[in-house]
PDB file of N, CA and C in Angstrom:
ATOM      1  N   MET A   1       0.855  -1.174   0.000  1.00  0.00           N
ATOM      2  CA  MET A   1       0.000   0.000   0.000  1.00  0.00           C
ATOM      3  C   MET A   1       0.899   1.234   0.000  1.00  0.00           C
ATOM      4  N   SER A   2       0.721   2.090  -0.984  1.00  0.00           N
ATOM      5  CA  SER A   2       1.526   3.292  -1.105  1.00  0.00           C
ATOM      6  C   SER A   2       0.663   4.509  -0.787  1.00  0.00           C
ATOM      7  N   VAL A   3       1.196   5.430   0.000  1.00  0.00           N
ATOM      8  CA  VAL A   3       0.475   6.629   0.385  1.00  0.00           C
ATOM      9  C   VAL A   3       1.164   7.817  -0.258  1.00  0.00           C
ATOM     10  N   LEU A   4       0.393   8.646  -0.949  1.00  0.00           N
ATOM     11  CA  LEU A   4       0.933   9.847  -1.563  1.00  0.00           C
ATOM     12  C   LEU A   4       1.233  10.867  -0.462  1.00  0.00           C
ATOM     13  N   VAL A   5       2.465  11.334  -0.401  1.00  0.00           N
ATOM     14  CA  VAL A   5       2.885  12.261   0.641  1.00  0.00           C
ATOM     15  C   VAL A   5       3.284  13.579  -0.004  1.00  0.00           C
ATOM     16  N   ASP A   6       2.785  14.665   0.554  1.00  0.00           N
ATOM     17  CA  ASP A   6       3.121  16.008   0.087  1.00  0.00           C
ATOM     18  C   ASP A   6       4.365  16.458   0.856  1.00  0.00           C
ATOM     19  N   ASP A   7       5.533  16.291   0.230  1.00  0.00           N
ATOM     20  CA  ASP A   7       6.799  16.585   0.906  1.00  0.00           C
ATOM     21  C   ASP A   7       6.903  18.041   1.347  1.00  0.00           C
ATOM     22  N   ASP A   8       6.421  18.976   0.529  1.00  0.00           N
ATOM     23  CA  ASP A   8       6.481  20.391   0.908  1.00  0.00           C
ATOM     24  C   ASP A   8       5.659  20.654   2.167  1.00  0.00           C
ATOM     25  N   LEU A   9       4.492  20.051   2.222  1.00  0.00           N
ATOM     26  CA  LEU A   9       3.628  20.211   3.388  1.00  0.00           C
ATOM     27  C   LEU A   9       4.309  19.687   4.642  1.00  0.00           C
ATOM     28  N   TRP A  10       4.872  18.461   4.556  1.00  0.00           N
ATOM     29  CA  TRP A  10       5.470  17.871   5.753  1.00  0.00           C
ATOM     30  C   TRP A  10       6.778  18.534   6.125  1.00  0.00           C
ATOM     31  N   SER A  11       7.459  19.092   5.155  1.00  0.00           N
ATOM     32  CA  SER A  11       8.638  19.892   5.463  1.00  0.00           C
ATOM     33  C   SER A  11       8.215  21.149   6.235  1.00  0.00           C
ATOM     34  N   ALA A  12       7.108  21.736   5.815  1.00  0.00           N
ATOM     35  CA  ALA A  12       6.616  22.952   6.476  1.00  0.00           C
ATOM     36  C   ALA A  12       6.195  22.683   7.915  1.00  0.00           C
ATOM     37  N   VAL A  13       5.465  21.603   8.149  1.00  0.00           N
ATOM     38  CA  VAL A  13       4.995  21.333   9.516  1.00  0.00           C
ATOM     39  C   VAL A  13       6.018  20.567  10.336  1.00  0.00           C
ATOM     40  N   GLY A  14       7.135  20.208   9.720  1.00  0.00           N
ATOM     41  CA  GLY A  14       8.187  19.519  10.452  1.00  0.00           C
ATOM     42  C   GLY A  14       8.930  20.431  11.408  1.00  0.00           C
ATOM     43  N   ASP A  15       8.771  21.729  11.240  1.00  0.00           N
ATOM     44  CA  ASP A  15       9.466  22.695  12.085  1.00  0.00           C
ATOM     45  C   ASP A  15       8.629  22.989  13.329  1.00  0.00           C
ATOM     46  N   PRO A  16       9.215  22.847  14.528  1.00  0.00           N
ATOM     47  CA  PRO A  16       8.427  23.054  15.755  1.00  0.00           C
ATOM     48  C   PRO A  16       7.903  24.485  15.907  1.00  0.00           C
ATOM     49  N   THR A  17       8.644  25.473  15.431  1.00  0.00           N
ATOM     50  CA  THR A  17       8.160  26.857  15.528  1.00  0.00           C
ATOM     51  C   THR A  17       6.908  27.033  14.682  1.00  0.00           C
ATOM     52  N   ARG A  18       6.902  26.460  13.485  1.00  0.00           N
ATOM     53  CA  ARG A  18       5.716  26.579  12.630  1.00  0.00           C
ATOM     54  C   ARG A  18       4.525  25.851  13.246  1.00  0.00           C
ATOM     55  N   ARG A  19       4.779  24.714  13.887  1.00  0.00           N
ATOM     56  CA  ARG A  19       3.671  24.017  14.554  1.00  0.00           C
ATOM     57  C   ARG A  19       3.104  24.864  15.690  1.00  0.00           C
ATOM     58  N   ARG A  20       3.979  25.519  16.443  1.00  0.00           N
ATOM     59  CA  ARG A  20       3.505  26.413  17.514  1.00  0.00           C
ATOM     60  C   ARG A  20       2.688  27.563  16.936  1.00  0.00           C
ATOM     61  N   MET A  21       3.138  28.068  15.783  1.00  0.00           N
ATOM     62  CA  MET A  21       2.408  29.170  15.150  1.00  0.00           C
ATOM     63  C   MET A  21       1.016  28.709  14.726  1.00  0.00           C
ATOM     64  N   ILE A  22       0.917  27.525  14.147  1.00  0.00           N
ATOM     65  CA  ILE A  22      -0.396  26.997  13.759  1.00  0.00           C
ATOM     66  C   ILE A  22      -1.275  26.845  14.997  1.00  0.00           C
ATOM     67  N   ASP A  23      -0.708  26.318  16.081  1.00  0.00           N
ATOM     68  CA  ASP A  23      -1.466  26.184  17.337  1.00  0.00           C
ATOM     69  C   ASP A  23      -1.989  27.530  17.810  1.00  0.00           C
ATOM     70  N   ARG A  24      -1.127  28.548  17.788  1.00  0.00           N
ATOM     71  CA  ARG A  24      -1.541  29.889  18.246  1.00  0.00           C
ATOM     72  C   ARG A  24      -2.622  30.459  17.346  1.00  0.00           C
ATOM     73  N   LEU A  25      -2.445  30.322  16.032  1.00  0.00           N
ATOM     74  CA  LEU A  25      -3.453  30.845  15.099  1.00  0.00           C
ATOM     75  C   LEU A  25      -4.789  30.129  15.295  1.00  0.00           C
ATOM     76  N   LEU A  26      -4.759  28.836  15.521  1.00  0.00           N
ATOM     77  CA  LEU A  26      -6.000  28.105  15.773  1.00  0.00           C
ATOM     78  C   LEU A  26      -6.643  28.564  17.081  1.00  0.00           C
ATOM     79  N   ALA A  27      -5.840  28.750  18.115  1.00  0.00           N
ATOM     80  CA  ALA A  27      -6.370  29.167  19.417  1.00  0.00           C
ATOM     81  C   ALA A  27      -6.940  30.583  19.368  1.00  0.00           C
ATOM     82  N   ASP A  28      -6.250  31.468  18.640  1.00  0.00           N
ATOM     83  CA  ASP A  28      -6.652  32.879  18.611  1.00  0.00           C
ATOM     84  C   ASP A  28      -7.601  33.205  17.461  1.00  0.00           C
ATOM     85  N   GLY A  29      -7.738  32.318  16.505  1.00  0.00           N
ATOM     86  CA  GLY A  29      -8.588  32.579  15.353  1.00  0.00           C
ATOM     87  C   GLY A  29      -7.827  33.208  14.193  1.00  0.00           C
ATOM     88  N   SER A  30      -6.873  34.062  14.500  1.00  0.00           N
ATOM     89  CA  SER A  30      -6.022  34.687  13.482  1.00  0.00           C
ATOM     90  C   SER A  30      -4.894  35.401  14.207  1.00  0.00           C
ATOM     91  N   GLY A  31      -3.938  35.914  13.426  1.00  0.00           N
ATOM     92  CA  GLY A  31      -2.845  36.647  14.047  1.00  0.00           C
ATOM     93  C   GLY A  31      -1.949  37.277  12.996  1.00  0.00           C
ATOM     94  N   THR A  32      -1.134  38.190  13.453  1.00  0.00           N
ATOM     95  CA  THR A  32      -0.156  38.849  12.593  1.00  0.00           C
ATOM     96  C   THR A  32       1.235  38.385  13.004  1.00  0.00           C
ATOM     97  N   ALA A  33       2.225  38.725  12.193  1.00  0.00           N
ATOM     98  CA  ALA A  33       3.601  38.386  12.556  1.00  0.00           C
ATOM     99  C   ALA A  33       3.950  39.014  13.904  1.00  0.00           C
ATOM    100  N   THR A  34       3.494  40.228  14.118  1.00  0.00           N
ATOM    101  CA  THR A  34       3.788  40.921  15.388  1.00  0.00           C
ATOM    102  C   THR A  34       3.130  40.213  16.568  1.00  0.00           C
ATOM    103  N   SER A  35       1.854  39.863  16.434  1.00  0.00           N
ATOM    104  CA  SER A  35       1.165  39.217  17.562  1.00  0.00           C
ATOM    105  C   SER A  35       1.762  37.833  17.846  1.00  0.00           C
ATOM    106  N   LEU A  36       2.162  37.124  16.799  1.00  0.00           N
ATOM    107  CA  LEU A  36       2.785  35.820  17.018  1.00  0.00           C
ATOM    108  C   LEU A  36       4.160  35.955  17.666  1.00  0.00           C
ATOM    109  N   ALA A  37       4.915  36.976  17.264  1.00  0.00           N
ATOM    110  CA  ALA A  37       6.252  37.193  17.835  1.00  0.00           C
ATOM    111  C   ALA A  37       6.163  37.533  19.323  1.00  0.00           C
ATOM    112  N   GLU A  38       5.049  38.102  19.756  1.00  0.00           N
ATOM    113  CA  GLU A  38       4.855  38.401  21.173  1.00  0.00           C
ATOM    114  C   GLU A  38       4.606  37.135  21.984  1.00  0.00           C
ATOM    115  N   GLN A  39       4.170  36.061  21.322  1.00  0.00           N
ATOM    116  CA  GLN A  39       3.814  34.825  22.017  1.00  0.00           C
ATOM    117  C   GLN A  39       4.830  33.705  21.833  1.00  0.00           C
ATOM    118  N   ILE A  40       5.660  33.817  20.793  1.00  0.00           N
ATOM    119  CA  ILE A  40       6.623  32.770  20.462  1.00  0.00           C
ATOM    120  C   ILE A  40       8.015  33.390  20.509  1.00  0.00           C
ATOM    121  N   PRO A  41       8.965  32.767  21.179  1.00  0.00           N
ATOM    122  CA  PRO A  41      10.274  33.397  21.399  1.00  0.00           C
ATOM    123  C   PRO A  41      11.210  33.400  20.176  1.00  0.00           C
ATOM    124  N   VAL A  42      10.766  34.032  19.085  1.00  0.00           N
ATOM    125  CA  VAL A  42      11.607  34.274  17.924  1.00  0.00           C
ATOM    126  C   VAL A  42      11.290  35.670  17.407  1.00  0.00           C
ATOM    127  N   THR A  43      12.143  36.186  16.551  1.00  0.00           N
ATOM    128  CA  THR A  43      11.943  37.550  16.071  1.00  0.00           C
ATOM    129  C   THR A  43      10.742  37.647  15.144  1.00  0.00           C
ATOM    130  N   ARG A  44      10.239  38.851  14.997  1.00  0.00           N
ATOM    131  CA  ARG A  44       9.130  39.098  14.077  1.00  0.00           C
ATOM    132  C   ARG A  44       9.534  38.715  12.652  1.00  0.00           C
ATOM    133  N   GLN A  45      10.770  39.005  12.278  1.00  0.00           N
ATOM    134  CA  GLN A  45      11.247  38.672  10.937  1.00  0.00           C
ATOM    135  C   GLN A  45      11.242  37.156  10.715  1.00  0.00           C
ATOM    136  N   ALA A  46      11.659  36.409  11.729  1.00  0.00           N
ATOM    137  CA  ALA A  46      11.642  34.947  11.624  1.00  0.00           C
ATOM    138  C   ALA A  46      10.199  34.444  11.500  1.00  0.00           C
ATOM    139  N   ILE A  47       9.311  35.034  12.282  1.00  0.00           N
ATOM    140  CA  ILE A  47       7.894  34.665  12.214  1.00  0.00           C
ATOM    141  C   ILE A  47       7.365  34.923  10.804  1.00  0.00           C
ATOM    142  N   ALA A  48       7.704  36.073  10.222  1.00  0.00           N
ATOM    143  CA  ALA A  48       7.241  36.411   8.869  1.00  0.00           C
ATOM    144  C   ALA A  48       7.732  35.375   7.858  1.00  0.00           C
ATOM    145  N   LYS A  49       8.965  34.921   8.004  1.00  0.00           N
ATOM    146  CA  LYS A  49       9.498  33.903   7.087  1.00  0.00           C
ATOM    147  C   LYS A  49       8.762  32.577   7.268  1.00  0.00           C
ATOM    148  N   HIS A  50       8.502  32.201   8.506  1.00  0.00           N
ATOM    149  CA  HIS A  50       7.755  30.968   8.770  1.00  0.00           C
ATOM    150  C   HIS A  50       6.337  31.064   8.194  1.00  0.00           C
ATOM    151  N   LEU A  51       5.707  32.232   8.356  1.00  0.00           N
ATOM    152  CA  LEU A  51       4.368  32.421   7.803  1.00  0.00           C
ATOM    153  C   LEU A  51       4.374  32.288   6.282  1.00  0.00           C
ATOM    154  N   ALA A  52       5.422  32.773   5.648  1.00  0.00           N
ATOM    155  CA  ALA A  52       5.530  32.658   4.190  1.00  0.00           C
ATOM    156  C   ALA A  52       5.592  31.183   3.769  1.00  0.00           C
ATOM    157  N   VAL A  53       6.312  30.375   4.529  1.00  0.00           N
ATOM    158  CA  VAL A  53       6.391  28.937   4.233  1.00  0.00           C
ATOM    159  C   VAL A  53       5.011  28.296   4.392  1.00  0.00           C
ATOM    160  N   LEU A  54       4.338  28.599   5.489  1.00  0.00           N
ATOM    161  CA  LEU A  54       3.013  28.029   5.736  1.00  0.00           C
ATOM    162  C   LEU A  54       2.007  28.487   4.691  1.00  0.00           C
ATOM    163  N   ASP A  55       2.124  29.734   4.256  1.00  0.00           N
ATOM    164  CA  ASP A  55       1.242  30.277   3.220  1.00  0.00           C
ATOM    165  C   ASP A  55       1.500  29.574   1.886  1.00  0.00           C
ATOM    166  N   ARG A  56       2.767  29.345   1.577  1.00  0.00           N
ATOM    167  CA  ARG A  56       3.125  28.710   0.304  1.00  0.00           C
ATOM    168  C   ARG A  56       2.519  27.307   0.176  1.00  0.00           C
ATOM    169  N   VAL A  57       2.445  26.564   1.279  1.00  0.00           N
ATOM    170  CA  VAL A  57       1.878  25.215   1.223  1.00  0.00           C
ATOM    171  C   VAL A  57       0.372  25.209   1.478  1.00  0.00           C
ATOM    172  N   GLY A  58      -0.205  26.378   1.709  1.00  0.00           N
ATOM    173  CA  GLY A  58      -1.649  26.497   1.844  1.00  0.00           C
ATOM    174  C   GLY A  58      -2.218  26.259   3.222  1.00  0.00           C
ATOM    175  N   LEU A  59      -1.364  26.150   4.235  1.00  0.00           N
ATOM    176  CA  LEU A  59      -1.883  25.932   5.588  1.00  0.00           C
ATOM    177  C   LEU A  59      -2.419  27.199   6.235  1.00  0.00           C
ATOM    178  N   VAL A  60      -1.894  28.344   5.822  1.00  0.00           N
ATOM    179  CA  VAL A  60      -2.418  29.621   6.299  1.00  0.00           C
ATOM    180  C   VAL A  60      -2.626  30.529   5.092  1.00  0.00           C
ATOM    181  N   HIS A  61      -3.498  31.517   5.289  1.00  0.00           N
ATOM    182  CA  HIS A  61      -3.732  32.525   4.259  1.00  0.00           C
ATOM    183  C   HIS A  61      -3.718  33.883   4.942  1.00  0.00           C
ATOM    184  N   GLY A  62      -3.039  34.824   4.309  1.00  0.00           N
ATOM    185  CA  GLY A  62      -2.952  36.165   4.868  1.00  0.00           C
ATOM    186  C   GLY A  62      -3.787  37.159   4.089  1.00  0.00           C
ATOM    187  N   ALA A  63      -4.316  38.134   4.813  1.00  0.00           N
ATOM    188  CA  ALA A  63      -5.074  39.229   4.204  1.00  0.00           C
ATOM    189  C   ALA A  63      -4.567  40.532   4.804  1.00  0.00           C
ATOM    190  N   ALA A  64      -4.504  41.558   3.984  1.00  0.00           N
ATOM    191  CA  ALA A  64      -4.026  42.859   4.454  1.00  0.00           C
ATOM    192  C   ALA A  64      -4.887  43.347   5.615  1.00  0.00           C
ATOM    193  N   ALA A  65      -4.200  43.825   6.653  1.00  0.00           N
ATOM    194  CA  ALA A  65      -4.870  44.391   7.828  1.00  0.00           C
ATOM    195  C   ALA A  65      -4.049  45.602   8.258  1.00  0.00           C
ATOM    196  N   GLY A  66      -4.328  46.738   7.647  1.00  0.00           N
ATOM    197  CA  GLY A  66      -3.515  47.920   7.914  1.00  0.00           C
ATOM    198  C   GLY A  66      -2.130  47.727   7.328  1.00  0.00           C
ATOM    199  N   ARG A  67      -1.118  47.935   8.154  1.00  0.00           N
ATOM    200  CA  ARG A  67       0.257  47.794   7.680  1.00  0.00           C
ATOM    201  C   ARG A  67       0.769  46.353   7.746  1.00  0.00           C
ATOM    202  N   GLU A  68      -0.034  45.476   8.304  1.00  0.00           N
ATOM    203  CA  GLU A  68       0.385  44.077   8.432  1.00  0.00           C
ATOM    204  C   GLU A  68      -0.570  43.165   7.683  1.00  0.00           C
ATOM    205  N   ARG A  69      -0.242  41.895   7.722  1.00  0.00           N
ATOM    206  CA  ARG A  69      -1.138  40.871   7.174  1.00  0.00           C
ATOM    207  C   ARG A  69      -1.656  40.042   8.343  1.00  0.00           C
ATOM    208  N   ARG A  70      -2.936  39.756   8.312  1.00  0.00           N
ATOM    209  CA  ARG A  70      -3.551  38.913   9.335  1.00  0.00           C
ATOM    210  C   ARG A  70      -3.707  37.525   8.729  1.00  0.00           C
ATOM    211  N   TYR A  71      -3.199  36.534   9.443  1.00  0.00           N
ATOM    212  CA  TYR A  71      -3.185  35.158   8.955  1.00  0.00           C
ATOM    213  C   TYR A  71      -4.213  34.313   9.686  1.00  0.00           C
ATOM    214  N   ARG A  72      -4.819  33.413   8.930  1.00  0.00           N
ATOM    215  CA  ARG A  72      -5.754  32.424   9.461  1.00  0.00           C
ATOM    216  C   ARG A  72      -5.331  31.056   8.944  1.00  0.00           C
ATOM    217  N   VAL A  73      -5.586  30.030   9.743  1.00  0.00           N
ATOM    218  CA  VAL A  73      -5.307  28.663   9.318  1.00  0.00           C
ATOM    219  C   VAL A  73      -6.403  28.233   8.342  1.00  0.00           C
ATOM    220  N   ASP A  74      -5.995  27.596   7.248  1.00  0.00           N
ATOM    221  CA  ASP A  74      -6.954  27.000   6.318  1.00  0.00           C
ATOM    222  C   ASP A  74      -7.316  25.646   6.907  1.00  0.00           C
ATOM    223  N   GLU A  75      -8.447  25.592   7.591  1.00  0.00           N
ATOM    224  CA  GLU A  75      -8.811  24.388   8.330  1.00  0.00           C
ATOM    225  C   GLU A  75      -9.080  23.196   7.412  1.00  0.00           C
ATOM    226  N   ALA A  76      -9.550  23.442   6.198  1.00  0.00           N
ATOM    227  CA  ALA A  76      -9.767  22.337   5.252  1.00  0.00           C
ATOM    228  C   ALA A  76      -8.423  21.733   4.841  1.00  0.00           C
ATOM    229  N   ARG A  77      -7.436  22.592   4.584  1.00  0.00           N
ATOM    230  CA  ARG A  77      -6.100  22.101   4.206  1.00  0.00           C
ATOM    231  C   ARG A  77      -5.472  21.368   5.389  1.00  0.00           C
ATOM    232  N   LEU A  78      -5.658  21.894   6.588  1.00  0.00           N
ATOM    233  CA  LEU A  78      -5.129  21.235   7.781  1.00  0.00           C
ATOM    234  C   LEU A  78      -5.787  19.865   7.962  1.00  0.00           C
ATOM    235  N   ALA A  79      -7.085  19.780   7.729  1.00  0.00           N
ATOM    236  CA  ALA A  79      -7.789  18.494   7.852  1.00  0.00           C
ATOM    237  C   ALA A  79      -7.246  17.492   6.832  1.00  0.00           C
ATOM    238  N   ARG A  80      -6.959  17.956   5.609  1.00  0.00           N
ATOM    239  CA  ARG A  80      -6.377  17.057   4.601  1.00  0.00           C
ATOM    240  C   ARG A  80      -4.988  16.604   5.038  1.00  0.00           C
ATOM    241  N   ALA A  81      -4.233  17.504   5.657  1.00  0.00           N
ATOM    242  CA  ALA A  81      -2.893  17.151   6.143  1.00  0.00           C
ATOM    243  C   ALA A  81      -2.987  16.103   7.248  1.00  0.00           C
ATOM    244  N   VAL A  82      -3.932  16.266   8.148  1.00  0.00           N
ATOM    245  CA  VAL A  82      -4.121  15.301   9.229  1.00  0.00           C
ATOM    246  C   VAL A  82      -4.533  13.945   8.647  1.00  0.00           C
ATOM    247  N   ALA A  83      -5.427  13.959   7.662  1.00  0.00           N
ATOM    248  CA  ALA A  83      -5.849  12.709   7.020  1.00  0.00           C
ATOM    249  C   ALA A  83      -4.660  12.029   6.351  1.00  0.00           C
ATOM    250  N   GLN A  84      -3.805  12.824   5.719  1.00  0.00           N
ATOM    251  CA  GLN A  84      -2.614  12.266   5.079  1.00  0.00           C
ATOM    252  C   GLN A  84      -1.691  11.639   6.120  1.00  0.00           C
ATOM    253  N   LEU A  85      -1.492  12.319   7.230  1.00  0.00           N
ATOM    254  CA  LEU A  85      -0.650  11.785   8.300  1.00  0.00           C
ATOM    255  C   LEU A  85      -1.239  10.487   8.843  1.00  0.00           C
ATOM    256  N   ASN A  86      -2.553  10.451   9.018  1.00  0.00           N
ATOM    257  CA  ASN A  86      -3.198   9.219   9.488  1.00  0.00           C
ATOM    258  C   ASN A  86      -3.004   8.080   8.497  1.00  0.00           C
ATOM    259  N   ALA A  87      -3.092   8.385   7.197  1.00  0.00           N
ATOM    260  CA  ALA A  87      -2.892   7.353   6.170  1.00  0.00           C
ATOM    261  C   ALA A  87      -1.462   6.825   6.216  1.00  0.00           C
ATOM    262  N   VAL A  88      -0.498   7.714   6.407  1.00  0.00           N
ATOM    263  CA  VAL A  88       0.903   7.290   6.522  1.00  0.00           C
ATOM    264  C   VAL A  88       1.070   6.415   7.763  1.00  0.00           C
ATOM    265  N   GLY A  89       0.465   6.824   8.873  1.00  0.00           N
ATOM    266  CA  GLY A  89       0.534   6.028  10.100  1.00  0.00           C
ATOM    267  C   GLY A  89      -0.082   4.653   9.921  1.00  0.00           C
ATOM    268  N   ASP A  90      -1.233   4.595   9.237  1.00  0.00           N
ATOM    269  CA  ASP A  90      -1.884   3.308   8.981  1.00  0.00           C
ATOM    270  C   ASP A  90      -1.002   2.414   8.113  1.00  0.00           C
ATOM    271  N   ALA A  91      -0.368   3.007   7.101  1.00  0.00           N
ATOM    272  CA  ALA A  91       0.512   2.224   6.223  1.00  0.00           C
ATOM    273  C   ALA A  91       1.684   1.650   7.013  1.00  0.00           C
ATOM    274  N   TRP A  92       2.268   2.453   7.901  1.00  0.00           N
ATOM    275  CA  TRP A  92       3.384   1.957   8.710  1.00  0.00           C
ATOM    276  C   TRP A  92       2.918   0.915   9.712  1.00  0.00           C
ATOM    277  N   ASP A  93       1.731   1.084  10.279  1.00  0.00           N
ATOM    278  CA  ASP A  93       1.193   0.060  11.186  1.00  0.00           C
ATOM    279  C   ASP A  93       1.060  -1.265  10.454  1.00  0.00           C
ATOM    280  N   SER A  94       0.571  -1.210   9.218  1.00  0.00           N
ATOM    281  CA  SER A  94       0.419  -2.427   8.414  1.00  0.00           C
ATOM    282  C   SER A  94       1.776  -3.066   8.135  1.00  0.00           C
ATOM    283  N   ARG A  95       2.764  -2.263   7.788  1.00  0.00           N
ATOM    284  CA  ARG A  95       4.115  -2.787   7.545  1.00  0.00           C
ATOM    285  C   ARG A  95       4.675  -3.447   8.804  1.00  0.00           C
ATOM    286  N   MET A  96       4.511  -2.788   9.924  1.00  0.00           N
ATOM    287  CA  MET A  96       5.049  -3.328  11.178  1.00  0.00           C
ATOM    288  C   MET A  96       4.358  -4.638  11.549  1.00  0.00           C
ATOM    289  N   GLU A  97       3.073  -4.745  11.282  1.00  0.00           N
ATOM    290  CA  GLU A  97       2.344  -5.979  11.557  1.00  0.00           C
ATOM    291  C   GLU A  97       2.886  -7.122  10.692  1.00  0.00           C
ATOM    292  N   ARG A  98       3.175  -6.836   9.403  1.00  0.00           N
ATOM    293  CA  ARG A  98       3.757  -7.869   8.520  1.00  0.00           C
ATOM    294  C   ARG A  98       5.137  -8.283   9.024  1.00  0.00           C
ATOM    295  N   ILE A  99       5.946  -7.327   9.441  1.00  0.00           N
ATOM    296  CA  ILE A  99       7.283  -7.645   9.972  1.00  0.00           C
ATOM    297  C   ILE A  99       7.158  -8.506  11.223  1.00  0.00           C
ATOM    298  N   LYS A 100       6.206  -8.185  12.073  1.00  0.00           N
ATOM    299  CA  LYS A 100       5.995  -8.963  13.294  1.00  0.00           C
ATOM    300  C   LYS A 100       5.624 -10.405  12.946  1.00  0.00           C
ATOM    301  N   ARG A 101       4.718 -10.581  11.975  1.00  0.00           N
ATOM    302  CA  ARG A 101       4.320 -11.942  11.575  1.00  0.00           C
ATOM    303  C   ARG A 101       5.505 -12.717  11.002  1.00  0.00           C
ATOM    304  N   ILE A 102       6.330 -12.073  10.204  1.00  0.00           N
ATOM    305  CA  ILE A 102       7.520 -12.728   9.645  1.00  0.00           C
ATOM    306  C   ILE A 102       8.466 -13.147  10.767  1.00  0.00           C
ATOM    307  N   ALA A 103       8.704 -12.238  11.717  1.00  0.00           N
ATOM    308  CA  ALA A 103       9.600 -12.545  12.834  1.00  0.00           C
ATOM    309  C   ALA A 103       9.060 -13.704  13.668  1.00  0.00           C
ATOM    310  N   GLU A 104       7.748 -13.716  13.898  1.00  0.00           N
ATOM    311  CA  GLU A 104       7.154 -14.820  14.663  1.00  0.00           C
ATOM    312  C   GLU A 104       7.298 -16.147  13.924  1.00  0.00           C
ATOM    313  N   THR A 105       7.115 -16.126  12.598  1.00  0.00           N
ATOM    314  CA  THR A 105       7.271 -17.343  11.795  1.00  0.00           C
ATOM    315  C   THR A 105       8.706 -17.847  11.862  1.00  0.00           C
ATOM    316  N   ILE A 106       9.662 -16.948  11.758  1.00  0.00           N
ATOM    317  CA  ILE A 106      11.086 -17.325  11.853  1.00  0.00           C
ATOM    318  C   ILE A 106      11.375 -17.920  13.224  1.00  0.00           C
ATOM    319  N   GLN A 107      10.848 -17.285  14.277  1.00  0.00           N
ATOM    320  CA  GLN A 107      11.077 -17.782  15.629  1.00  0.00           C
ATOM    321  C   GLN A 107      10.472 -19.173  15.810  1.00  0.00           C
ATOM    322  N   GLN A 108       9.265 -19.384  15.308  1.00  0.00           N
ATOM    323  CA  GLN A 108       8.626 -20.700  15.421  1.00  0.00           C
ATOM    324  C   GLN A 108       9.411 -21.755  14.654  1.00  0.00           C
ATOM    325  N   THR A 109       9.896 -21.403  13.472  1.00  0.00           N
ATOM    326  CA  THR A 109      10.689 -22.338  12.656  1.00  0.00           C
ATOM    327  C   THR A 109      11.975 -22.700  13.377  1.00  0.00           C
ATOM    328  N   THR A 110      12.616 -21.711  13.985  1.00  0.00           N
ATOM    329  CA  THR A 110      13.875 -21.947  14.705  1.00  0.00           C
ATOM    330  C   THR A 110      13.624 -22.843  15.924  1.00  0.00           C
ATOM    331  N   GLU A 111      12.541 -22.593  16.650  1.00  0.00           N
ATOM    332  CA  GLU A 111      12.232 -23.384  17.835  1.00  0.00           C
ATOM    333  C   GLU A 111      11.870 -24.825  17.451  1.00  0.00           C
ATOM    334  N   THR A 112      11.206 -25.016  16.318  1.00  0.00           N
ATOM    335  CA  THR A 112      10.832 -26.357  15.851  1.00  0.00           C
ATOM    336  C   THR A 112      12.049 -27.162  15.495  1.00  0.00           C
ATOM    337  N   LYS A 113      13.068 -26.556  14.910  1.00  0.00           N
ATOM    338  CA  LYS A 113      14.300 -27.241  14.499  1.00  0.00           C
ATOM    339  C   LYS A 113      15.147 -27.655  15.690  1.00  0.00           C
ATOM    340  N   GLU A 114      14.989 -26.995  16.804  1.00  0.00           N
ATOM    341  CA  GLU A 114      15.824 -27.283  17.991  1.00  0.00           C
ATOM    342  C   GLU A 114      15.381 -28.471  18.702  1.00  0.00           C
TER     343      GLU A 114
END
């Protein structure tokens, strides 16, 4: 069973700062680079770069709000990402179960020969 994985998406959410930003945006409903920088211990410039990565993969969308951009999480895209992660987890669970059965068969064969 092969699962299609969006490498750009998982690269984007692989960063702990970006995950914290998504958590904050979900908790607050929206936020700007400035408001996120007040809550997360990195510079506003770093936050802006992280937001650009998240925007590029479609996890957040920004809209002009005065001199800044206000970002919101695209909950539909996030739900698709979660579904993809679950599919990857299910595929690995299936692989691990097959490996376990093979190992048990080898162990039984070895014990029978002794």
